[in-house]
Protein backbone atom coordinates (compact mmCIF):
# COMPACT_ATOMS: atom_id res chain seq x y z
CA UNK A 1 0.00 0.00 0.00
CA UNK A 2 1.43 3.43 -0.87
CA UNK A 3 2.41 5.47 2.16
CA UNK A 4 1.14 9.02 2.79
CA UNK A 5 4.54 10.34 1.78
CA UNK A 6 4.01 8.98 -1.73
CA UNK A 7 0.92 11.13 -2.19
CA UNK A 8 1.53 14.72 -3.37
CA UNK A 9 1.07 17.16 -0.48
CA UNK A 10 -1.30 19.25 -2.59
CA UNK A 11 -3.61 16.30 -3.30
CA UNK A 12 -6.69 15.63 -1.20
CA UNK A 13 -7.56 12.60 -3.33
CA UNK A 14 -5.51 10.47 -5.70
CA UNK A 15 -7.19 8.00 -8.07
CA UNK A 16 -4.81 5.41 -9.51
CA UNK A 17 -5.49 2.92 -12.32
CA UNK A 18 -9.14 2.70 -11.32
CA UNK A 19 -11.59 0.40 -13.09
CA UNK A 20 -15.23 0.77 -12.07
CA UNK A 21 -18.08 -1.49 -13.03
CA UNK A 22 -20.55 -4.20 -12.08
CA UNK A 23 -19.60 -7.85 -12.42
CA UNK A 24 -17.99 -8.31 -15.84
CA UNK A 25 -19.25 -4.97 -17.12
CA UNK A 26 -16.57 -2.28 -16.94
CA UNK A 27 -18.15 1.19 -16.93
CA UNK A 28 -14.93 3.22 -16.72
CA UNK A 29 -11.33 2.02 -16.83
CA UNK A 30 -7.76 3.20 -16.29
CA UNK A 31 -8.81 6.34 -14.41
CA UNK A 32 -5.91 8.41 -13.09
CA UNK A 33 -6.32 11.86 -11.59
CA UNK A 34 -5.65 13.97 -8.52
CA UNK A 35 -8.00 16.32 -6.70
CA UNK A 36 -6.02 19.25 -5.26
CA UNK A 37 -6.88 20.55 -1.81
CA UNK A 38 -9.13 23.59 -1.71
CA UNK A 39 -10.44 23.20 -5.26
CA UNK A 40 -13.80 22.47 -6.85
CA UNK A 41 -13.18 19.37 -8.97
CA UNK A 42 -15.72 18.40 -11.63
CA UNK A 43 -16.40 14.87 -12.85
CA UNK A 44 -18.34 15.50 -16.05
CA UNK A 45 -19.72 13.59 -18.99
CA UNK A 46 -22.95 12.64 -20.69
CA UNK A 47 -25.74 10.53 -19.23
CA UNK A 48 -24.78 6.91 -18.69
CA UNK A 49 -21.02 7.42 -18.81
CA UNK A 50 -20.53 6.26 -15.21
CA UNK A 51 -19.98 9.53 -13.32
CA UNK A 52 -21.99 8.48 -10.28
CA UNK A 53 -20.39 5.02 -10.26
CA UNK A 54 -16.95 6.63 -10.09
CA UNK A 55 -18.16 8.85 -7.25
CA UNK A 56 -19.45 5.81 -5.38
CA UNK A 57 -16.03 4.18 -5.65
CA UNK A 58 -14.44 7.38 -4.32
CA UNK A 59 -16.63 7.49 -1.21
CA UNK A 60 -16.42 3.80 -0.32
CA UNK A 61 -19.77 2.52 -1.59
CA UNK A 62 -18.71 0.64 -4.74
CA UNK A 63 -15.65 -1.64 -4.62
CA UNK A 64 -13.45 -0.98 -7.65
CA UNK A 65 -12.72 -3.76 -10.09
CA UNK A 66 -9.09 -2.62 -10.11
CA UNK A 67 -6.95 0.21 -8.77
CA UNK A 68 -7.25 2.36 -5.70
CA UNK A 69 -8.47 5.62 -4.24
CA UNK A 70 -6.22 7.41 -1.76
CA UNK A 71 -7.71 10.02 0.58
CA UNK A 72 -5.08 11.92 2.52
CA UNK A 73 -2.60 9.19 1.59
CA UNK A 74 -4.80 6.38 2.93
CA UNK A 75 -5.89 3.74 0.42
CA UNK A 76 -9.64 3.68 0.94
CA UNK A 77 -10.17 0.15 -0.31
CA UNK A 78 -7.05 -1.43 1.20
CA UNK A 79 -7.14 0.15 4.66
CA UNK A 80 -8.30 -1.69 7.76
CA UNK A 81 -11.90 -1.07 8.79
CA UNK A 82 -11.09 1.36 11.61
CA UNK A 83 -8.80 3.44 9.41
CA UNK A 84 -11.37 3.39 6.61
CA UNK A 85 -14.08 4.62 8.97
CA UNK A 86 -11.82 7.46 10.07
CA UNK A 87 -11.34 8.47 6.43
CA UNK A 88 -15.08 8.28 5.80
CA UNK A 89 -15.67 10.65 8.72
CA UNK A 90 -13.72 13.30 6.81
CA UNK A 91 -16.17 13.12 3.91
CA UNK A 92 -19.59 14.66 3.45
CA UNK A 93 -21.92 13.50 0.68
CA UNK A 94 -24.90 15.17 -0.97
CA UNK A 95 -26.68 12.43 -2.86
CA UNK A 96 -28.65 13.05 -6.01
CA UNK A 97 -32.14 14.21 -5.03
CA UNK A 98 -31.02 15.20 -1.51
CA UNK A 99 -31.93 11.83 0.07
CA UNK A 100 -33.47 13.45 3.14
CA UNK A 101 -35.55 11.34 5.53
CA UNK A 102 -39.13 12.41 4.81
CA UNK A 103 -40.37 11.60 8.32
CA UNK A 104 -37.77 13.82 9.98
CA UNK A 105 -37.61 17.59 10.22
CA UNK A 106 -34.68 19.39 8.67
CA UNK A 107 -33.03 19.76 12.06
CA UNK A 108 -33.48 16.06 12.78
CA UNK A 109 -31.98 15.18 9.40
CA UNK A 110 -28.89 17.28 10.09
CA UNK A 111 -28.65 15.99 13.66
CA UNK A 112 -28.64 12.35 12.56
CA UNK A 113 -24.90 12.04 11.75
CA UNK A 114 -24.11 14.06 14.87
CA UNK A 115 -26.07 11.58 16.99
CA UNK A 116 -24.37 8.62 15.31
CA UNK A 117 -20.76 9.82 15.34
CA UNK A 118 -20.37 12.33 18.19
CA UNK A 119 -20.99 12.52 21.93
CA UNK A 120 -22.76 15.87 21.72
CA UNK A 121 -25.79 16.35 23.97
CA UNK A 122 -29.21 16.81 22.38
CA UNK A 123 -29.16 20.57 22.91
CA UNK A 124 -25.72 20.86 21.33
CA UNK A 125 -26.81 18.80 18.35
CA UNK A 126 -29.83 21.03 17.87
CA UNK A 127 -27.66 24.15 18.03
CA UNK A 128 -25.19 22.69 15.53
CA UNK A 129 -28.00 21.73 13.17
CA UNK A 130 -29.42 25.26 13.33
CA UNK A 131 -25.98 26.69 12.48
CA UNK A 132 -25.56 24.41 9.45
CA UNK A 133 -29.05 25.21 8.18
CA UNK A 134 -28.42 28.92 8.63
CA UNK A 135 -25.20 28.63 6.64
CA UNK A 136 -27.13 27.29 3.64
CA UNK A 137 -29.82 29.95 3.96
CA UNK A 138 -32.43 27.91 5.83
CA UNK A 139 -32.50 29.67 9.20
CA UNK A 140 -35.97 29.35 10.68
CA UNK A 141 -36.76 26.14 8.77
CA UNK A 142 -35.48 23.74 11.43
CA UNK A 143 -38.93 22.24 12.13
CA UNK A 144 -40.06 21.98 8.51
CA UNK A 145 -40.32 18.62 6.78
CA UNK A 146 -38.69 17.99 3.37
CA UNK A 147 -42.07 17.78 1.60
CA UNK A 148 -42.81 21.35 2.69
CA UNK A 149 -39.78 22.70 0.79
CA UNK A 150 -39.00 23.49 -2.82
CA UNK A 151 -36.48 21.36 -4.70
CA UNK A 152 -33.75 23.94 -4.26
CA UNK A 153 -34.38 24.17 -0.53
CA UNK A 154 -34.26 20.39 -0.23
CA UNK A 155 -30.86 20.37 -1.96
CA UNK A 156 -29.60 23.02 0.48
CA UNK A 157 -30.92 21.02 3.42
CA UNK A 158 -29.09 17.97 2.06
CA UNK A 159 -25.94 20.05 1.86
CA UNK A 160 -26.38 21.13 5.49
CA UNK A 161 -26.54 17.48 6.50
CA UNK A 162 -23.46 16.68 4.42
CA UNK A 163 -21.65 19.43 6.34
CA UNK A 164 -22.80 18.23 9.76
CA UNK A 165 -19.47 16.67 10.77
CA UNK A 166 -17.34 19.49 9.28
CA UNK A 167 -15.79 17.27 6.59
CA UNK A 168 -12.57 18.08 4.77
CA UNK A 169 -14.07 16.92 1.47
CA UNK A 170 -17.60 17.35 0.13
CA UNK A 171 -18.93 15.08 -2.63
CA UNK A 172 -21.95 16.41 -4.52
CA UNK A 173 -23.83 14.17 -6.97
CA UNK A 174 -25.72 16.24 -9.59
CA UNK A 175 -26.47 18.99 -7.04
CA UNK A 176 -28.30 21.31 -9.47
CA UNK A 177 -30.15 18.67 -11.51
CA UNK A 178 -33.83 19.52 -11.79
CA UNK A 179 -33.47 23.05 -10.45
CA UNK A 180 -34.56 26.15 -12.32
CA UNK A 181 -31.74 28.45 -13.56
CA UNK A 182 -32.08 30.91 -10.66
CA UNK A 183 -32.00 28.17 -8.01
CA UNK A 184 -29.10 26.49 -9.80
CA UNK A 185 -27.06 29.70 -9.77
CA UNK A 186 -27.78 30.24 -6.08
CA UNK A 187 -26.60 26.73 -5.32
CA UNK A 188 -23.45 27.27 -7.37
CA UNK A 189 -22.77 30.47 -5.42
CA UNK A 190 -23.25 28.53 -2.19
CA UNK A 191 -20.68 25.93 -3.27
CA UNK A 192 -18.15 28.69 -3.97
CA UNK A 193 -18.92 30.32 -0.64
CA UNK A 194 -18.32 27.00 1.11
CA UNK A 195 -14.98 26.57 -0.63
CA UNK A 196 -13.88 30.11 0.23
CA UNK A 197 -15.10 30.28 3.82
CA UNK A 198 -14.28 26.74 4.96
CA UNK A 199 -11.26 26.06 2.76
CA UNK A 200 -12.47 22.59 1.94
CA UNK A 201 -12.29 20.46 -1.18
CA UNK A 202 -15.41 19.86 -3.27
CA UNK A 203 -15.91 17.06 -5.80
CA UNK A 204 -18.95 17.58 -8.03
CA UNK A 205 -20.53 15.11 -10.45
CA UNK A 206 -22.55 17.05 -13.00
CA UNK A 207 -23.50 17.43 -16.64
CA UNK A 208 -24.87 20.98 -16.17
CA UNK A 209 -22.75 23.34 -18.28
CA UNK A 210 -23.63 26.50 -16.34
CA UNK A 211 -22.40 24.92 -13.11
CA UNK A 212 -19.31 23.42 -14.72
CA UNK A 213 -18.10 26.80 -15.97
CA UNK A 214 -19.24 28.75 -12.90
CA UNK A 215 -17.58 26.67 -10.17
CA UNK A 216 -15.06 24.26 -11.71
CA UNK A 217 -11.35 24.75 -11.04
CA UNK A 218 -10.40 21.44 -12.63
CA UNK A 219 -12.33 18.70 -14.39
CA UNK A 220 -12.13 15.29 -16.00
CA UNK A 221 -14.36 14.25 -18.88
CA UNK A 222 -15.56 10.63 -18.86
CA UNK A 223 -16.42 9.29 -22.30
CA UNK A 224 -19.27 6.78 -22.52
CA UNK A 225 -17.99 5.06 -25.67
CA UNK A 226 -14.27 4.86 -24.85
CA UNK A 227 -15.01 4.13 -21.18
CA UNK A 228 -12.20 6.30 -19.82
CA UNK A 229 -11.00 9.86 -19.28
CA UNK A 230 -10.41 11.63 -22.59
CA UNK A 231 -9.80 15.17 -21.30
CA UNK A 232 -8.74 16.92 -18.12
CA UNK A 233 -8.07 20.49 -17.08
CA UNK A 234 -9.88 23.72 -16.34
CA UNK A 235 -13.33 23.60 -17.97
CA UNK A 236 -12.97 26.99 -19.66
CA UNK A 237 -9.57 25.99 -21.02
CA UNK A 238 -11.03 22.75 -22.35
CA UNK A 239 -13.82 24.72 -24.00
CA UNK A 240 -11.31 26.95 -25.75
CA UNK A 241 -8.64 24.40 -26.63
CA UNK A 242 -9.94 20.83 -26.74
CA UNK A 243 -9.85 19.15 -30.16
CA UNK A 244 -11.66 15.99 -29.03
CA UNK A 245 -15.02 15.75 -30.80
CA UNK A 246 -16.87 14.28 -27.81
CA UNK A 247 -15.53 16.92 -25.44
CA UNK A 248 -16.38 19.72 -27.86
CA UNK A 249 -19.90 18.39 -28.37
CA UNK A 250 -20.46 18.10 -24.62
CA UNK A 251 -19.07 21.51 -23.67
CA UNK A 252 -20.87 23.33 -26.47
CA UNK A 253 -24.00 21.18 -26.83
CA UNK A 254 -23.33 21.24 -30.54
CA UNK A 255 -22.46 24.95 -30.79
CA UNK A 256 -19.02 26.04 -32.12
CA UNK A 257 -16.26 26.33 -29.53
CA UNK A 258 -15.23 29.93 -28.81
CA UNK A 259 -12.23 31.06 -26.83
CA UNK A 260 -12.76 33.19 -23.73
């Protein structure tokens, strides 16, 4: 297993020779990339290319067919269970759709990981939940249920829960999917605010162009036909300079590429 010293100091996550799939079906193969600390890293590509499957391998939910994921120098899939749990505690995840418990209030949803993984008293958990909800613009909504909220508010509540344990790394799976343009932009602004104020690292799976260009520092493009990464770099640079037909079609939705 590679030691922490073998991982670049600037890297929060290192993906090495990763194959992801189900049984004999390989969805993506030979993936190699690094996620630098303090950046917003985009995993992008068209529908069905395997973006969410790669994310699941990076957060410990889908065992890779080959290769490894190192978080802070620790090999997520080769570490002992206790060490792996410690790594997982440093991650926060916003699942596609928010994945809030419908029978719990927003405060109770945010308190859940605090109750499971900390020794905080009930009053302290409630106070912490209120702080996280206020940070995402939901102060005063602690006792609301998810069904009483708009889609954008549900996504923000899911983000508050992902932040409950003050993770070093946030993983967001299609965070603006299904939102109207105004709500999407507000959520993008919130992601940037999180990165600036907390200094954390954010990994975002998305196919939404507006979000990709608004928040992405670096990106990898997963191709559905070649089943691997075919481009990497700053999204705006890829828009201006990429000569790969699939990348150009994705980043322009069929419109000519123009330099910025």
